[in-house]
Amino acid sequence: MASDDADHPMDGDQALISITPQERLSIGFGCTSLAESNEIVRLIKASIDPIPRDSILATLDCRAAIGEIVSQLLGIRLVVFSATTLSAIKGTTTHSPLALAKTGTHNVAEAAALASLGSTARLIIARTQGRFCTCAVAATSLEVPS
């Protein structure tokens, strides 16, 4: 399910991602009103499992209710963003005319993952698609005190 990324080779459907203690992950997701929380969790776990405990779950503000359920199921913190904020995020790799028409931004999953980590974030898993939902994973290096 996960797409191949130059920095992270794939093993079947599972990305082989080595996360260092100096990196933080954010998992962005987008979904339609037909999506169910268990489908979103299944897609996320197909993309990255295990999920580091200090990871962030991020999505569009109008999906906060389902985001709360997913964040509880995964045991990670949820952050939400407006479509205006997400539409200004640089570094997304996919652009959906349907997402733009429905939400006001070309990409929810990738943009949310990147937005939650700030300007130093990079995508490590581009948008992957599930049943009525998408997810993407971004990472950033944590500053290590000297």
C-alpha atoms as a PDB file:
ATOM      1  CA  MET A   1       0.000   0.000   0.000  1.00  0.00           C
ATOM      2  CA  ALA A   2       2.757   2.463   0.809  1.00  0.00           C
ATOM      3  CA  SER A   3       4.458   4.089  -2.130  1.00  0.00           C
ATOM      4  CA  ASP A   4       8.169   3.723  -2.785  1.00  0.00           C
ATOM      5  CA  ASP A   5      10.331   6.636  -1.641  1.00  0.00           C
ATOM      6  CA  ALA A   6      13.944   7.132  -2.663  1.00  0.00           C
ATOM      7  CA  ASP A   7      15.163   7.402   0.932  1.00  0.00           C
ATOM      8  CA  HIS A   8      13.139   4.479   2.242  1.00  0.00           C
ATOM      9  CA  PRO A   9      13.112   1.152   0.382  1.00  0.00           C
ATOM     10  CA  MET A  10       9.969  -0.957   0.365  1.00  0.00           C
ATOM     11  CA  ASP A  11       9.503  -4.551   1.509  1.00  0.00           C
ATOM     12  CA  GLY A  12       6.277  -5.669  -0.136  1.00  0.00           C
ATOM     13  CA  ASP A  13       3.681  -3.235   1.151  1.00  0.00           C
ATOM     14  CA  GLN A  14       5.687  -2.204   4.201  1.00  0.00           C
ATOM     15  CA  ALA A  15       8.159   0.673   4.160  1.00  0.00           C
ATOM     16  CA  LEU A  16      11.505  -0.137   5.717  1.00  0.00           C
ATOM     17  CA  ILE A  17      11.929   3.023   7.742  1.00  0.00           C
ATOM     18  CA  SER A  18      14.593   3.378  10.340  1.00  0.00           C
ATOM     19  CA  ILE A  19      13.730   6.180  12.720  1.00  0.00           C
ATOM     20  CA  THR A  20      16.516   7.530  14.865  1.00  0.00           C
ATOM     21  CA  PRO A  21      15.884   8.849  18.387  1.00  0.00           C
ATOM     22  CA  GLN A  22      16.672  12.294  16.966  1.00  0.00           C
ATOM     23  CA  GLU A  23      13.656  12.230  14.615  1.00  0.00           C
ATOM     24  CA  ARG A  24       9.975  12.881  15.193  1.00  0.00           C
ATOM     25  CA  LEU A  25       7.229  11.544  12.926  1.00  0.00           C
ATOM     26  CA  SER A  26       3.898  12.956  11.914  1.00  0.00           C
ATOM     27  CA  ILE A  27       1.188  10.942  10.240  1.00  0.00           C
ATOM     28  CA  GLY A  28      -1.215  13.005   8.206  1.00  0.00           C
ATOM     29  CA  PHE A  29      -4.550  11.654   7.077  1.00  0.00           C
ATOM     30  CA  GLY A  30      -7.439  12.771   4.954  1.00  0.00           C
ATOM     31  CA  CYS A  31     -10.785  11.092   4.521  1.00  0.00           C
ATOM     32  CA  THR A  32     -14.291  11.366   3.190  1.00  0.00           C
ATOM     33  CA  SER A  33     -17.349  11.382   5.407  1.00  0.00           C
ATOM     34  CA  LEU A  34     -17.743   7.672   4.554  1.00  0.00           C
ATOM     35  CA  ALA A  35     -14.452   6.677   6.212  1.00  0.00           C
ATOM     36  CA  GLU A  36     -14.459   4.702   9.432  1.00  0.00           C
ATOM     37  CA  SER A  37     -11.827   5.056  12.125  1.00  0.00           C
ATOM     38  CA  ASN A  38     -10.748   1.399  11.876  1.00  0.00           C
ATOM     39  CA  GLU A  39     -10.077   1.833   8.137  1.00  0.00           C
ATOM     40  CA  ILE A  40      -7.874   4.857   8.827  1.00  0.00           C
ATOM     41  CA  VAL A  41      -5.974   2.978  11.550  1.00  0.00           C
ATOM     42  CA  ARG A  42      -5.506  -0.008   9.227  1.00  0.00           C
ATOM     43  CA  LEU A  43      -4.092   2.235   6.463  1.00  0.00           C
ATOM     44  CA  ILE A  44      -1.744   3.989   8.872  1.00  0.00           C
ATOM     45  CA  LYS A  45      -0.452   0.711  10.299  1.00  0.00           C
ATOM     46  CA  ALA A  46       0.043  -0.652   6.776  1.00  0.00           C
ATOM     47  CA  SER A  47       2.223   2.397   6.099  1.00  0.00           C
ATOM     48  CA  ILE A  48       4.197   2.493   9.353  1.00  0.00           C
ATOM     49  CA  ASP A  49       4.165   0.016  12.193  1.00  0.00           C
ATOM     50  CA  PRO A  50       5.211   0.231  14.942  1.00  0.00           C
ATOM     51  CA  ILE A  51       4.323   3.883  15.394  1.00  0.00           C
ATOM     52  CA  PRO A  52       6.732   5.716  17.719  1.00  0.00           C
ATOM     53  CA  ARG A  53       4.904   6.939  20.856  1.00  0.00           C
ATOM     54  CA  ASP A  54       5.904  10.578  20.359  1.00  0.00           C
ATOM     55  CA  SER A  55       4.458  10.688  16.834  1.00  0.00           C
ATOM     56  CA  ILE A  56       1.783  13.193  15.877  1.00  0.00           C
ATOM     57  CA  LEU A  57      -1.467  12.557  13.998  1.00  0.00           C
ATOM     58  CA  ALA A  58      -2.539  15.485  11.814  1.00  0.00           C
ATOM     59  CA  THR A  59      -5.553  16.281   9.648  1.00  0.00           C
ATOM     60  CA  LEU A  60      -7.999  18.886   8.440  1.00  0.00           C
ATOM     61  CA  ASP A  61      -9.986  20.668  11.150  1.00  0.00           C
ATOM     62  CA  CYS A  62     -13.337  19.454   9.785  1.00  0.00           C
ATOM     63  CA  ARG A  63     -12.138  15.861  10.469  1.00  0.00           C
ATOM     64  CA  ALA A  64     -11.304  16.518  14.126  1.00  0.00           C
ATOM     65  CA  ALA A  65     -14.026  14.180  15.442  1.00  0.00           C
ATOM     66  CA  ILE A  66     -12.782  11.104  13.594  1.00  0.00           C
ATOM     67  CA  GLY A  67      -9.215  12.275  14.225  1.00  0.00           C
ATOM     68  CA  GLU A  68      -9.826  12.127  17.987  1.00  0.00           C
ATOM     69  CA  ILE A  69     -10.987   8.521  17.694  1.00  0.00           C
ATOM     70  CA  VAL A  70      -8.011   7.526  15.530  1.00  0.00           C
ATOM     71  CA  SER A  71      -5.546   9.294  17.832  1.00  0.00           C
ATOM     72  CA  GLN A  72      -6.967   7.450  20.847  1.00  0.00           C
ATOM     73  CA  LEU A  73      -6.763   4.110  19.039  1.00  0.00           C
ATOM     74  CA  LEU A  74      -3.136   4.787  18.093  1.00  0.00           C
ATOM     75  CA  GLY A  75      -2.190   6.417  21.400  1.00  0.00           C
ATOM     76  CA  ILE A  76      -0.745   9.553  19.794  1.00  0.00           C
ATOM     77  CA  ARG A  77      -1.546  13.272  19.919  1.00  0.00           C
ATOM     78  CA  LEU A  78      -3.843  14.900  17.314  1.00  0.00           C
ATOM     79  CA  VAL A  79      -3.343  18.306  15.717  1.00  0.00           C
ATOM     80  CA  VAL A  80      -5.720  19.861  13.183  1.00  0.00           C
ATOM     81  CA  PHE A  81      -5.279  22.566  10.569  1.00  0.00           C
ATOM     82  CA  SER A  82      -7.532  24.735   8.456  1.00  0.00           C
ATOM     83  CA  ALA A  83      -7.679  24.204   4.696  1.00  0.00           C
ATOM     84  CA  THR A  84      -6.123  27.650   4.291  1.00  0.00           C
ATOM     85  CA  THR A  85      -3.096  26.582   6.320  1.00  0.00           C
ATOM     86  CA  LEU A  86      -2.754  23.265   4.481  1.00  0.00           C
ATOM     87  CA  SER A  87      -3.069  24.869   1.048  1.00  0.00           C
ATOM     88  CA  ALA A  88       0.013  27.012   1.793  1.00  0.00           C
ATOM     89  CA  ILE A  89       2.273  24.058   2.720  1.00  0.00           C
ATOM     90  CA  LYS A  90       5.172  23.414   0.346  1.00  0.00           C
ATOM     91  CA  GLY A  91       6.620  19.973  -0.341  1.00  0.00           C
ATOM     92  CA  THR A  92       3.523  17.932  -1.151  1.00  0.00           C
ATOM     93  CA  THR A  93       3.917  15.468  -4.011  1.00  0.00           C
ATOM     94  CA  THR A  94       0.313  14.852  -5.035  1.00  0.00           C
ATOM     95  CA  HIS A  95      -2.405  17.279  -6.012  1.00  0.00           C
ATOM     96  CA  SER A  96      -6.043  16.203  -6.143  1.00  0.00           C
ATOM     97  CA  PRO A  97      -8.623  18.340  -7.951  1.00  0.00           C
ATOM     98  CA  LEU A  98     -11.311  16.463  -5.983  1.00  0.00           C
ATOM     99  CA  ALA A  99      -9.674  17.293  -2.637  1.00  0.00           C
ATOM    100  CA  LEU A 100      -9.382  20.924  -3.713  1.00  0.00           C
ATOM    101  CA  ALA A 101     -13.062  21.062  -4.662  1.00  0.00           C
ATOM    102  CA  LYS A 102     -14.197  19.384  -1.433  1.00  0.00           C
ATOM    103  CA  THR A 103     -11.790  20.849   1.122  1.00  0.00           C
ATOM    104  CA  GLY A 104     -10.050  23.884  -0.330  1.00  0.00           C
ATOM    105  CA  THR A 105      -6.602  22.275  -0.424  1.00  0.00           C
ATOM    106  CA  HIS A 106      -4.965  20.009  -3.050  1.00  0.00           C
ATOM    107  CA  ASN A 107      -3.658  17.545  -0.485  1.00  0.00           C
ATOM    108  CA  VAL A 108      -4.688  16.872   3.103  1.00  0.00           C
ATOM    109  CA  ALA A 109      -2.556  13.916   4.254  1.00  0.00           C
ATOM    110  CA  GLU A 110       0.845  15.120   3.050  1.00  0.00           C
ATOM    111  CA  ALA A 111       0.205  18.780   3.900  1.00  0.00           C
ATOM    112  CA  ALA A 112      -1.045  17.956   7.419  1.00  0.00           C
ATOM    113  CA  ALA A 113       1.954  15.712   8.132  1.00  0.00           C
ATOM    114  CA  LEU A 114       4.358  18.413   6.971  1.00  0.00           C
ATOM    115  CA  ALA A 115       2.503  21.289   8.698  1.00  0.00           C
ATOM    116  CA  SER A 116       2.564  19.598  12.089  1.00  0.00           C
ATOM    117  CA  LEU A 117       6.368  19.380  12.107  1.00  0.00           C
ATOM    118  CA  GLY A 118       7.277  22.788  10.729  1.00  0.00           C
ATOM    119  CA  SER A 119       9.522  24.024   7.955  1.00  0.00           C
ATOM    120  CA  THR A 120      12.259  21.395   8.431  1.00  0.00           C
ATOM    121  CA  ALA A 121       9.870  18.481   7.827  1.00  0.00           C
ATOM    122  CA  ARG A 122      10.243  16.157   4.858  1.00  0.00           C
ATOM    123  CA  LEU A 123       7.937  13.484   3.489  1.00  0.00           C
ATOM    124  CA  ILE A 124       9.185   9.973   4.063  1.00  0.00           C
ATOM    125  CA  ILE A 125       6.044   8.228   2.827  1.00  0.00           C
ATOM    126  CA  ALA A 126       3.996  10.016   0.183  1.00  0.00           C
ATOM    127  CA  ARG A 127       0.227   9.816   0.170  1.00  0.00           C
ATOM    128  CA  THR A 128      -1.083   6.267   0.248  1.00  0.00           C
ATOM    129  CA  GLN A 129      -4.691   5.519  -0.416  1.00  0.00           C
ATOM    130  CA  GLY A 130      -7.100   3.310   1.471  1.00  0.00           C
ATOM    131  CA  ARG A 131     -10.852   2.888   1.471  1.00  0.00           C
ATOM    132  CA  PHE A 132     -12.235   6.441   1.740  1.00  0.00           C
ATOM    133  CA  CYS A 133      -8.979   7.669   3.320  1.00  0.00           C
ATOM    134  CA  THR A 134      -5.377   8.615   2.655  1.00  0.00           C
ATOM    135  CA  CYS A 135      -2.298   8.929   4.827  1.00  0.00           C
ATOM    136  CA  ALA A 136       1.253  10.220   4.537  1.00  0.00           C
ATOM    137  CA  VAL A 137       4.213  10.310   6.900  1.00  0.00           C
ATOM    138  CA  ALA A 138       6.678  13.153   7.467  1.00  0.00           C
ATOM    139  CA  ALA A 139       9.751  13.361   9.685  1.00  0.00           C
ATOM    140  CA  THR A 140      11.937  16.053  11.145  1.00  0.00           C
ATOM    141  CA  SER A 141      15.146  15.951  13.094  1.00  0.00           C
ATOM    142  CA  LEU A 142      14.904  16.928  16.730  1.00  0.00           C
ATOM    143  CA  GLU A 143      17.426  19.397  17.965  1.00  0.00           C
ATOM    144  CA  VAL A 144      19.871  17.659  20.261  1.00  0.00           C
ATOM    145  CA  PRO A 145      21.228  19.913  23.017  1.00  0.00           C
ATOM    146  CA  SER A 146      25.003  20.306  22.854  1.00  0.00           C
END
